C-alpha atoms as a PDB file:
ATOM      1  CA  MET A   1     -13.994 -22.624  -7.525  1.00  0.00           C
ATOM      2  CA  ALA A   2     -16.096 -23.164 -11.410  1.00  0.00           C
ATOM      3  CA  ASN A   3     -15.552 -20.397 -13.435  1.00  0.00           C
ATOM      4  CA  ARG A   4     -19.495 -19.899 -13.421  1.00  0.00           C
ATOM      5  CA  SER A   5     -19.514 -20.047  -9.582  1.00  0.00           C
ATOM      6  CA  GLN A   6     -21.325 -16.919  -8.023  1.00  0.00           C
ATOM      7  CA  ALA A   7     -17.956 -17.521  -6.061  1.00  0.00           C
ATOM      8  CA  PHE A   8     -16.170 -15.481  -8.195  1.00  0.00           C
ATOM      9  CA  VAL A   9     -18.235 -12.476  -8.573  1.00  0.00           C
ATOM     10  CA  LYS A  10     -18.540 -12.063  -4.712  1.00  0.00           C
ATOM     11  CA  LYS A  11     -14.214 -12.932  -4.747  1.00  0.00           C
ATOM     12  CA  ALA A  12     -13.896 -10.502  -7.361  1.00  0.00           C
ATOM     13  CA  ARG A  13     -16.102  -7.982  -5.124  1.00  0.00           C
ATOM     14  CA  THR A  14     -13.961  -8.226  -2.185  1.00  0.00           C
ATOM     15  CA  GLU A  15     -10.382  -7.773  -4.459  1.00  0.00           C
ATOM     16  CA  GLN A  16     -11.824  -4.274  -5.533  1.00  0.00           C
ATOM     17  CA  ASN A  17     -12.732  -3.585  -2.135  1.00  0.00           C
ATOM     18  CA  ILE A  18      -8.915  -4.292  -1.374  1.00  0.00           C
ATOM     19  CA  ARG A  19      -7.234  -2.358  -4.416  1.00  0.00           C
ATOM     20  CA  ARG A  20      -9.687   0.880  -3.381  1.00  0.00           C
ATOM     21  CA  GLN A  21      -8.567   0.372   0.512  1.00  0.00           C
ATOM     22  CA  PHE A  22      -5.079   0.481  -0.763  1.00  0.00           C
ATOM     23  CA  THR A  23      -5.235   3.261  -2.632  1.00  0.00           C
ATOM     24  CA  GLN A  24      -6.165   5.409   0.283  1.00  0.00           C
ATOM     25  CA  ILE A  25      -3.088   4.621   1.672  1.00  0.00           C
ATOM     26  CA  SER A  26      -1.240   4.486  -0.811  1.00  0.00           C
ATOM     27  CA  ASP A  27      -2.256   8.440  -1.731  1.00  0.00           C
ATOM     28  CA  SER A  28      -1.271   8.953   2.298  1.00  0.00           C
ATOM     29  CA  LEU A  29       1.971   7.437   1.795  1.00  0.00           C
ATOM     30  CA  PHE A  30       2.483   9.328  -1.536  1.00  0.00           C
ATOM     31  CA  LYS A  31       1.430  12.828   0.524  1.00  0.00           C
ATOM     32  CA  VAL A  32       4.050  11.394   2.886  1.00  0.00           C
ATOM     33  CA  SER A  33       6.494  10.986   0.219  1.00  0.00           C
ATOM     34  CA  SER A  34       6.336  15.120  -0.343  1.00  0.00           C
ATOM     35  CA  GLN A  35       7.212  16.129   2.789  1.00  0.00           C
ATOM     36  CA  ILE A  36       9.809  13.761   4.326  1.00  0.00           C
ATOM     37  CA  PRO A  37      13.140  13.788   2.515  1.00  0.00           C
ATOM     38  CA  GLY A  38      14.219  10.290   3.392  1.00  0.00           C
ATOM     39  CA  PHE A  39      11.203   8.424   1.919  1.00  0.00           C
ATOM     40  CA  SER A  40      12.347   6.412  -0.686  1.00  0.00           C
ATOM     41  CA  ASN A  41      11.403   6.626  -4.439  1.00  0.00           C
ATOM     42  CA  GLN A  42      11.817   2.188  -3.808  1.00  0.00           C
ATOM     43  CA  ILE A  43       8.755   2.817  -1.933  1.00  0.00           C
ATOM     44  CA  ASN A  44       7.029   5.178  -4.228  1.00  0.00           C
ATOM     45  CA  THR A  45       8.137   2.497  -7.181  1.00  0.00           C
ATOM     46  CA  LYS A  46       7.030  -0.707  -5.027  1.00  0.00           C
ATOM     47  CA  LYS A  47       3.547   0.958  -4.125  1.00  0.00           C
ATOM     48  CA  MET A  48       2.681   1.257  -7.838  1.00  0.00           C
ATOM     49  CA  GLU A  49       3.487  -2.305  -8.911  1.00  0.00           C
ATOM     50  CA  VAL A  50       1.551  -2.964  -5.961  1.00  0.00           C
ATOM     51  CA  GLU A  51      -1.697  -1.285  -7.532  1.00  0.00           C
ATOM     52  CA  GLN A  52      -1.311  -2.387 -10.735  1.00  0.00           C
ATOM     53  CA  HIS A  53      -0.781  -6.384  -9.579  1.00  0.00           C
ATOM     54  CA  LEU A  54      -4.199  -5.525  -7.268  1.00  0.00           C
ATOM     55  CA  GLN A  55      -5.443  -4.196 -10.378  1.00  0.00           C
ATOM     56  CA  GLN A  56      -4.808  -7.033 -12.562  1.00  0.00           C
ATOM     57  CA  ALA A  57      -6.204  -9.358  -9.906  1.00  0.00           C
ATOM     58  CA  VAL A  58      -9.816  -7.874 -10.075  1.00  0.00           C
ATOM     59  CA  ASP A  59      -9.162  -7.470 -13.927  1.00  0.00           C
ATOM     60  CA  GLN A  60      -8.511 -11.363 -14.247  1.00  0.00           C
ATOM     61  CA  LEU A  61     -11.001 -12.582 -11.651  1.00  0.00           C
ATOM     62  CA  ALA A  62     -13.604 -10.135 -13.953  1.00  0.00           C
ATOM     63  CA  GLU A  63     -12.486 -12.942 -16.540  1.00  0.00           C
ATOM     64  CA  ARG A  64     -12.966 -15.426 -14.761  1.00  0.00           C
ATOM     65  CA  ASN A  65      -9.303 -16.729 -15.075  1.00  0.00           C
ATOM     66  CA  LYS A  66      -8.494 -18.479 -11.597  1.00  0.00           C
ATOM     67  CA  SER A  67      -4.556 -18.837 -12.337  1.00  0.00           C
ATOM     68  CA  GLN A  68      -3.892 -15.232 -13.778  1.00  0.00           C
ATOM     69  CA  SER A  69      -5.559 -13.838 -11.074  1.00  0.00           C
ATOM     70  CA  THR A  70      -4.404 -15.975  -8.111  1.00  0.00           C
ATOM     71  CA  TYR A  71      -1.013 -14.946  -9.454  1.00  0.00           C
ATOM     72  CA  ALA A  72      -1.702 -11.419  -9.258  1.00  0.00           C
ATOM     73  CA  GLN A  73      -3.492 -11.839  -6.312  1.00  0.00           C
ATOM     74  CA  ARG A  74       0.323 -13.615  -4.826  1.00  0.00           C
ATOM     75  CA  GLU A  75       2.364 -10.973  -6.341  1.00  0.00           C
ATOM     76  CA  SER A  76       0.339  -7.883  -4.773  1.00  0.00           C
ATOM     77  CA  LEU A  77       0.466  -9.513  -1.142  1.00  0.00           C
ATOM     78  CA  GLY A  78       4.319 -10.359  -1.989  1.00  0.00           C
ATOM     79  CA  GLY A  79       4.691  -6.501  -2.424  1.00  0.00           C
ATOM     80  CA  ILE A  80       2.709  -5.339   0.095  1.00  0.00           C
ATOM     81  CA  ASN A  81       4.608  -7.424   2.350  1.00  0.00           C
ATOM     82  CA  GLU A  82       7.996  -5.789   1.075  1.00  0.00           C
ATOM     83  CA  LEU A  83       6.507  -2.030   1.407  1.00  0.00           C
ATOM     84  CA  SER A  84       6.033  -2.547   5.314  1.00  0.00           C
ATOM     85  CA  SER A  85       9.126  -3.827   5.565  1.00  0.00           C
ATOM     86  CA  MET A  86      10.198  -0.576   3.784  1.00  0.00           C
ATOM     87  CA  ILE A  87       8.229   1.341   5.663  1.00  0.00           C
ATOM     88  CA  ALA A  88       9.033   0.018   9.068  1.00  0.00           C
ATOM     89  CA  SER A  89      12.920   0.235   7.922  1.00  0.00           C
ATOM     90  CA  LEU A  90      12.224   3.975   7.298  1.00  0.00           C
ATOM     91  CA  LEU A  91      10.399   4.499  10.268  1.00  0.00           C
ATOM     92  CA  ASP A  92      13.112   3.007  12.103  1.00  0.00           C
ATOM     93  CA  GLN A  93      15.515   5.034  10.557  1.00  0.00           C
ATOM     94  CA  LEU A  94      13.508   8.377  11.429  1.00  0.00           C
ATOM     95  CA  GLN A  95      13.485   7.477  15.319  1.00  0.00           C
ATOM     96  CA  ASN A  96      17.088   6.269  15.755  1.00  0.00           C
ATOM     97  CA  GLN A  97      17.723  10.001  14.457  1.00  0.00           C
ATOM     98  CA  GLN A  98      15.332  11.145  16.494  1.00  0.00           C
ATOM     99  CA  GLN A  99      17.016   9.217  19.105  1.00  0.00           C
ATOM    100  CA  ASN A 100      20.872  10.293  17.993  1.00  0.00           C
ATOM    101  CA  GLY A 101      19.639  13.847  17.878  1.00  0.00           C
ATOM    102  CA  MET A 102      20.082  13.716  14.479  1.00  0.00           C
ATOM    103  CA  GLY A 103      16.616  14.660  13.310  1.00  0.00           C
ATOM    104  CA  GLY A 104      15.543  18.534  12.926  1.00  0.00           C
ATOM    105  CA  GLY A 105      12.307  17.958  11.800  1.00  0.00           C
ATOM    106  CA  MET A 106       9.088  16.570  12.867  1.00  0.00           C
ATOM    107  CA  SER A 107       9.372  13.768  16.314  1.00  0.00           C
ATOM    108  CA  MET A 108       8.003  10.157  15.138  1.00  0.00           C
ATOM    109  CA  GLN A 109       4.773  11.918  16.860  1.00  0.00           C
ATOM    110  CA  GLN A 110       4.227  14.697  15.218  1.00  0.00           C
ATOM    111  CA  MET A 111       5.219  12.766  11.787  1.00  0.00           C
ATOM    112  CA  LEU A 112       2.289   9.853  13.131  1.00  0.00           C
ATOM    113  CA  GLU A 113      -0.160  12.240  13.797  1.00  0.00           C
ATOM    114  CA  LYS A 114       0.529  13.858  10.398  1.00  0.00           C
ATOM    115  CA  MET A 115      -0.035  10.558   8.489  1.00  0.00           C
ATOM    116  CA  GLN A 116      -3.317  10.088  10.237  1.00  0.00           C
ATOM    117  CA  ASN A 117      -4.644  13.250   9.505  1.00  0.00           C
ATOM    118  CA  MET A 118      -3.703  12.919   5.794  1.00  0.00           C
ATOM    119  CA  SER A 119      -5.482   9.597   5.556  1.00  0.00           C
ATOM    120  CA  ALA A 120      -8.378  11.293   7.649  1.00  0.00           C
ATOM    121  CA  ALA A 121      -8.481  14.323   5.255  1.00  0.00           C
ATOM    122  CA  SER A 122      -8.201  11.961   1.881  1.00  0.00           C
ATOM    123  CA  SER A 123     -11.275   9.689   3.226  1.00  0.00           C
ATOM    124  CA  SER A 124     -13.144  12.694   3.564  1.00  0.00           C
END
């Protein structure tokens, strides 16, 4: 992709869209984290790292710096994968607690419904 190419503009717009969507998801994660005691600070830290890398990717694309934008994109995707793994692990732990009768709070279904409601409310 040449530095003067319109492909940079298109790619920057796509990256900006991804960043906006991740921000909406991360806002919901933050709301959930404040209501679930077992939600790790690691998840919120990783979320902030991903947001920074996504913003760096957008900024570097705007500057038409291909190598730095590619690096930031890779870092953000790696962070998203790590974040997904952390959340899956947390959900497994919560489900195991529910099955073992140790969970005194929400059921898994209630928690998922609450997350969906928060996501819908933040989109409005």
